[in-house]
Amino acid sequence: MELSESLPLGELAAAFASLPVFPLFDTAYFIVSVLYLKYEPGAVEMSRKSPFASWLCAMLHCFGSYILAGLLLGEAPLEYFSNNSSVILATAVWYLIFFCPMNLFYKCVSFLPVKLVFVAMKEVVRVRKIAAGVHHAHHLYHHGWFVMMATGWVKGSGVALLSNFEQLLRGVWKPETNEILHMSFPTKASLYGTVLFTLQQTHWLPISEANLIFFFTMFMIVCKVFMTATHSHASPFAPLENLICPVLFGSVSSGHPGHHHDHHGASHEVSHPPPPPAKSKEELNEGTRKRKAKKAE
């Protein structure tokens, strides 16, 4: 009997969707999140100078999505910190990555083949969080499509959306790195994914939640593992966006011809400033007297 017959796709998706994420997948999620914190410039030095600030940044990387989702839904932003097991596990991961003797733990988890496994496991948690966020918002606001999409989005990419606040904790201010202005692949994928889960939750997408979790997780794993293995930052959505966005929103213009002419005129004036006005005889005599006085001094 073939595998497809003994284990139908629907049962496989249902079994996959019911897999518990704690502690195995959550550990992988915390490891990758804290690894990205350690990659930040100055993060290691900060951990030595201010371990508490480093720990706060690590908790934001691990639980930022829950904090932001709680704020959006009017719930206590620190409610998830009542989960002692998760907080202790994340703290242990942070300590081992930053303070393990001889950097052994960091060297093991950052070894590329091992890291790719953890990256794949992190995407399993990300998709579950998106689905759980949409489901939770649907329970509170049954017809609030945009509330569902906003909650699912921040559940999937809350860490990136809080990056500017996390930078402030590290004493860095880079407003040009605003995640909304320059979305990374996980943030875009979380946005598109939450739209799909919202359509499924409101019965506009004829697919079961388990199947959607399974297929979207496979998509995220393939893309993120490939991008991590090749050190690529190119978005898989770029070809489709380059095709659709100019039609829907227009393309970026290179500038109006009249403005272009004005800019050339301005640059011409800067490169060839007008000659200074001629000095009068009294000004020349005054300058001569000052020079003679300086020489005498």
Protein backbone atom coordinates (compact mmCIF):
# COMPACT_ATOMS: atom_id res chain seq x y z
CA MET A 1 0.00 0.00 0.00
CA GLU A 2 1.36 3.40 -0.98
CA LEU A 3 2.04 6.10 1.55
CA SER A 4 -0.50 8.44 -0.04
CA GLU A 5 -3.20 5.80 0.43
CA SER A 6 -2.28 4.82 3.98
CA LEU A 7 -1.90 8.47 5.08
CA PRO A 8 -4.15 10.84 3.07
CA LEU A 9 -3.13 14.46 2.70
CA GLY A 10 -5.97 15.66 4.90
CA GLU A 11 -4.93 13.42 7.76
CA LEU A 12 -1.29 14.41 7.32
CA ALA A 13 -2.21 18.11 7.45
CA ALA A 14 -4.41 17.54 10.51
CA ALA A 15 -1.63 15.65 12.29
CA PHE A 16 0.87 18.37 11.39
CA ALA A 17 -1.44 21.15 12.62
CA SER A 18 -1.93 19.37 15.95
CA LEU A 19 1.80 19.00 16.66
CA PRO A 20 2.70 20.71 19.96
CA VAL A 21 5.19 23.54 19.53
CA PHE A 22 6.43 23.54 23.12
CA PRO A 23 9.16 22.87 23.97
CA LEU A 24 10.93 21.63 20.83
CA PHE A 25 9.77 24.13 18.22
CA ASP A 26 9.67 26.99 20.71
CA THR A 27 13.30 26.28 21.60
CA ALA A 28 14.27 26.52 17.95
CA TYR A 29 12.29 29.77 17.66
CA PHE A 30 14.12 31.26 20.65
CA ILE A 31 17.52 30.12 19.37
CA VAL A 32 17.10 31.74 15.95
CA SER A 33 15.60 34.91 17.46
CA VAL A 34 18.47 35.38 19.92
CA LEU A 35 20.99 34.54 17.20
CA TYR A 36 19.68 37.44 15.13
CA LEU A 37 20.07 39.66 18.20
CA LYS A 38 23.69 38.61 18.61
CA TYR A 39 24.35 39.43 14.94
CA GLU A 40 23.41 43.06 15.61
CA PRO A 41 26.43 45.41 15.85
CA GLY A 42 27.33 46.11 19.45
CA ALA A 43 25.03 43.42 20.90
CA VAL A 44 27.89 41.41 22.42
CA GLU A 45 29.48 44.49 24.01
CA MET A 46 26.10 45.52 25.40
CA SER A 47 25.63 42.09 26.99
CA ARG A 48 28.86 42.63 28.95
CA LYS A 49 28.16 46.23 29.93
CA SER A 50 24.45 45.83 30.66
CA PRO A 51 23.23 42.22 30.87
CA PHE A 52 19.75 43.36 31.89
CA ALA A 53 19.34 45.48 28.75
CA SER A 54 20.58 42.56 26.67
CA TRP A 55 18.04 40.26 28.35
CA LEU A 56 15.22 42.74 27.67
CA CYS A 57 16.19 42.88 24.00
CA ALA A 58 16.24 39.09 23.86
CA MET A 59 12.77 38.91 25.40
CA LEU A 60 11.51 41.38 22.80
CA HIS A 61 12.97 39.19 20.06
CA CYS A 62 11.28 36.13 21.56
CA PHE A 63 7.94 37.58 22.70
CA GLY A 64 7.56 40.87 20.84
CA SER A 65 4.70 39.54 18.72
CA TYR A 66 2.66 38.63 21.82
CA ILE A 67 3.27 42.05 23.37
CA LEU A 68 2.19 43.92 20.24
CA ALA A 69 -0.86 41.70 19.70
CA GLY A 70 -1.92 42.26 23.29
CA LEU A 71 -1.69 46.02 22.81
CA LEU A 72 -3.80 45.87 19.64
CA LEU A 73 -6.54 43.79 21.28
CA GLY A 74 -6.64 45.83 24.49
CA GLU A 75 -5.19 43.02 26.58
CA ALA A 76 -2.32 43.08 29.05
CA PRO A 77 0.89 43.27 26.96
CA LEU A 78 2.78 41.32 29.63
CA GLU A 79 0.21 38.54 29.87
CA TYR A 80 2.39 36.05 28.01
CA PHE A 81 5.17 36.57 30.57
CA SER A 82 2.98 34.70 33.04
CA ASN A 83 4.03 31.58 31.08
CA ASN A 84 7.01 30.84 33.31
CA SER A 85 8.19 27.83 31.30
CA SER A 86 8.57 29.81 28.07
CA VAL A 87 10.27 32.77 29.76
CA ILE A 88 12.74 30.52 31.60
CA LEU A 89 13.46 28.60 28.39
CA ALA A 90 14.06 31.82 26.44
CA THR A 91 16.28 33.14 29.23
CA ALA A 92 18.34 29.95 29.20
CA VAL A 93 18.80 30.23 25.44
CA TRP A 94 19.86 33.88 25.77
CA TYR A 95 22.40 33.05 28.48
CA LEU A 96 23.91 30.13 26.58
CA ILE A 97 24.24 32.08 23.33
CA PHE A 98 25.88 35.10 24.96
CA PHE A 99 27.74 33.69 27.97
CA CYS A 100 28.47 30.00 27.34
CA PRO A 101 32.18 29.28 28.01
CA MET A 102 34.32 29.34 24.87
CA ASN A 103 31.19 30.29 22.89
CA LEU A 104 30.48 26.59 22.42
CA PHE A 105 26.70 26.83 22.31
CA TYR A 106 26.78 29.70 19.83
CA LYS A 107 29.21 27.86 17.57
CA CYS A 108 26.99 24.77 17.57
CA VAL A 109 23.67 26.49 16.83
CA SER A 110 25.18 28.89 14.25
CA PHE A 111 26.75 26.02 12.29
CA LEU A 112 24.88 26.33 8.98
CA PRO A 113 23.38 22.81 8.67
CA VAL A 114 22.15 22.98 12.27
CA LYS A 115 20.95 26.53 11.85
CA LEU A 116 18.89 25.60 8.78
CA VAL A 117 17.02 23.03 10.86
CA PHE A 118 16.26 25.65 13.50
CA VAL A 119 15.17 28.15 10.83
CA ALA A 120 12.71 25.62 9.40
CA MET A 121 11.34 24.91 12.88
CA LYS A 122 10.95 28.63 13.55
CA GLU A 123 8.72 28.99 10.48
CA VAL A 124 6.47 26.27 11.89
CA VAL A 125 5.96 28.44 14.97
CA ARG A 126 5.49 31.61 12.90
CA VAL A 127 2.64 30.16 10.85
CA ARG A 128 0.97 28.76 13.97
CA LYS A 129 1.15 32.21 15.56
CA ILE A 130 -0.44 33.82 12.50
CA ALA A 131 -3.28 31.30 12.50
CA ALA A 132 -3.76 31.64 16.27
CA GLY A 133 -3.80 35.45 16.03
CA VAL A 134 -6.46 35.46 13.32
CA HIS A 135 -8.52 32.89 15.21
CA HIS A 136 -8.31 34.86 18.47
CA ALA A 137 -9.28 38.14 16.79
CA HIS A 138 -12.16 36.40 14.98
CA HIS A 139 -13.46 35.20 18.33
CA LEU A 140 -13.43 38.76 19.72
CA TYR A 141 -14.46 40.66 16.57
CA HIS A 142 -16.45 38.23 14.46
CA HIS A 143 -16.82 40.58 11.48
CA GLY A 144 -13.66 42.61 11.97
CA TRP A 145 -11.61 41.60 8.96
CA PHE A 146 -8.98 44.27 9.46
CA VAL A 147 -8.67 43.44 13.16
CA MET A 148 -8.03 39.80 12.23
CA MET A 149 -5.45 40.75 9.62
CA ALA A 150 -3.68 43.22 11.92
CA THR A 151 -3.54 40.71 14.77
CA GLY A 152 -2.29 37.87 12.59
CA TRP A 153 0.29 40.14 10.99
CA VAL A 154 1.81 41.32 14.26
CA LYS A 155 1.73 37.76 15.61
CA GLY A 156 3.86 36.66 12.66
CA SER A 157 6.21 39.65 12.45
CA GLY A 158 5.84 41.58 15.69
CA VAL A 159 9.56 41.36 16.44
CA ALA A 160 10.44 43.15 13.20
CA LEU A 161 7.71 45.75 13.72
CA LEU A 162 9.15 46.51 17.17
CA SER A 163 12.72 46.70 15.86
CA ASN A 164 13.01 50.48 16.33
CA PHE A 165 11.95 50.21 19.96
CA GLU A 166 14.38 47.33 20.48
CA GLN A 167 17.13 49.47 18.96
CA LEU A 168 16.43 52.17 21.53
CA LEU A 169 17.07 49.66 24.30
CA ARG A 170 20.47 49.04 22.71
CA GLY A 171 21.15 52.77 22.48
CA VAL A 172 20.71 52.87 18.70
CA TRP A 173 18.31 55.01 16.69
CA LYS A 174 17.87 54.15 13.02
CA PRO A 175 14.51 55.44 11.78
CA GLU A 176 15.50 54.65 8.20
CA THR A 177 15.27 50.94 9.08
CA ASN A 178 11.53 51.20 9.74
CA GLU A 179 10.10 47.77 8.93
CA ILE A 180 6.90 49.18 7.45
CA LEU A 181 8.88 51.28 4.98
CA HIS A 182 11.29 48.47 4.08
CA MET A 183 9.54 45.17 4.67
CA SER A 184 11.66 42.07 4.93
CA PHE A 185 10.50 38.74 3.54
CA PRO A 186 9.09 37.43 6.87
CA THR A 187 7.07 40.62 7.36
CA LYS A 188 5.63 40.49 3.83
CA ALA A 189 4.96 36.78 4.06
CA SER A 190 3.21 37.25 7.40
CA LEU A 191 1.04 39.97 5.85
CA TYR A 192 0.06 37.82 2.87
CA GLY A 193 -0.41 34.82 5.12
CA THR A 194 -2.72 36.62 7.50
CA VAL A 195 -4.88 37.67 4.55
CA LEU A 196 -5.21 34.01 3.56
CA PHE A 197 -6.03 32.91 7.10
CA THR A 198 -8.59 35.72 7.44
CA LEU A 199 -10.29 34.64 4.22
CA GLN A 200 -10.29 31.06 5.46
CA GLN A 201 -11.65 32.04 8.87
CA THR A 202 -14.51 34.01 7.28
CA HIS A 203 -15.28 31.13 4.87
CA TRP A 204 -14.25 33.01 1.74
CA LEU A 205 -11.38 30.60 1.06
CA PRO A 206 -12.59 27.02 0.55
CA ILE A 207 -9.83 25.20 2.41
CA SER A 208 -9.55 23.79 5.90
CA GLU A 209 -7.39 25.56 8.46
CA ALA A 210 -5.20 22.47 8.88
CA ASN A 211 -4.49 22.29 5.14
CA LEU A 212 -3.75 26.00 4.97
CA ILE A 213 -1.35 25.73 7.91
CA PHE A 214 0.39 22.79 6.27
CA PHE A 215 0.81 24.33 2.79
CA PHE A 216 1.75 27.80 4.00
CA THR A 217 4.27 26.35 6.45
CA MET A 218 5.89 24.32 3.66
CA PHE A 219 6.11 27.47 1.54
CA MET A 220 7.71 29.45 4.37
CA ILE A 221 10.17 26.68 5.20
CA VAL A 222 11.35 26.30 1.60
CA CYS A 223 11.77 30.05 1.07
CA LYS A 224 13.42 30.86 4.39
CA VAL A 225 15.79 27.87 4.36
CA PHE A 226 16.86 28.68 0.80
CA MET A 227 17.41 32.35 1.62
CA THR A 228 19.41 31.49 4.74
CA ALA A 229 21.52 28.88 2.97
CA THR A 230 22.36 31.22 0.09
CA HIS A 231 22.59 34.38 2.25
CA SER A 232 20.06 35.97 -0.07
CA HIS A 233 17.85 38.95 0.75
CA ALA A 234 15.83 38.84 -2.48
CA SER A 235 12.12 38.44 -1.88
CA PRO A 236 10.34 35.60 -3.69
CA PHE A 237 7.41 38.00 -4.07
CA ALA A 238 9.49 40.54 -6.03
CA PRO A 239 8.68 39.29 -9.59
CA LEU A 240 4.94 39.33 -8.91
CA GLU A 241 5.10 42.68 -7.11
CA ASN A 242 7.11 44.24 -9.95
CA LEU A 243 4.39 43.11 -12.34
CA ILE A 244 1.32 44.14 -10.36
CA CYS A 245 2.37 47.19 -8.35
CA PRO A 246 3.09 49.51 -11.33
CA VAL A 247 -0.38 48.72 -12.68
CA LEU A 248 -2.23 49.28 -9.40
CA PHE A 249 -0.14 52.00 -7.77
CA GLY A 250 1.96 53.46 -10.59
CA SER A 251 5.72 53.49 -10.95
CA VAL A 252 8.24 55.83 -9.39
CA SER A 253 8.80 58.72 -11.80
CA SER A 254 12.30 60.00 -12.50
CA GLY A 255 11.17 63.61 -12.15
CA HIS A 256 9.25 66.20 -14.16
CA PRO A 257 11.18 67.72 -17.11
CA GLY A 258 10.57 71.22 -15.80
CA HIS A 259 11.89 70.26 -12.40
CA HIS A 260 14.84 68.56 -14.05
CA HIS A 261 15.66 71.80 -15.81
CA ASP A 262 15.36 73.74 -12.56
CA HIS A 263 17.74 71.33 -10.83
CA HIS A 264 20.29 71.81 -13.58
CA GLY A 265 19.91 75.55 -13.24
CA ALA A 266 20.43 75.34 -9.50
CA SER A 267 23.52 73.20 -9.88
CA HIS A 268 24.84 75.62 -12.50
CA GLU A 269 24.43 78.47 -10.07
CA VAL A 270 26.23 76.56 -7.35
CA SER A 271 29.14 75.56 -9.55
CA HIS A 272 29.48 79.09 -11.00
CA PRO A 273 28.66 81.58 -8.24
CA PRO A 274 28.26 85.22 -9.22
CA PRO A 275 31.30 87.43 -8.65
CA PRO A 276 31.32 89.38 -5.40
CA PRO A 277 30.41 93.06 -5.62
CA ALA A 278 33.28 95.48 -6.07
CA LYS A 279 34.51 97.09 -2.86
CA SER A 280 34.45 100.82 -2.50
CA LYS A 281 37.59 102.93 -2.02
CA GLU A 282 36.86 103.43 1.67
CA GLU A 283 36.55 99.66 2.23
CA LEU A 284 39.85 99.06 0.44
CA ASN A 285 41.62 101.70 2.55
CA GLU A 286 40.11 100.22 5.73
CA GLY A 287 41.37 96.75 4.76
CA THR A 288 44.86 98.12 4.11
CA ARG A 289 44.97 99.81 7.52
CA LYS A 290 43.91 96.57 9.25
CA ARG A 291 46.63 94.55 7.50
CA LYS A 292 49.27 97.11 8.46
CA ALA A 293 48.08 97.05 12.08
CA LYS A 294 48.37 93.24 12.19
CA LYS A 295 51.89 93.39 10.80
CA ALA A 296 52.84 95.95 13.43
CA GLU A 297 51.49 93.71 16.17
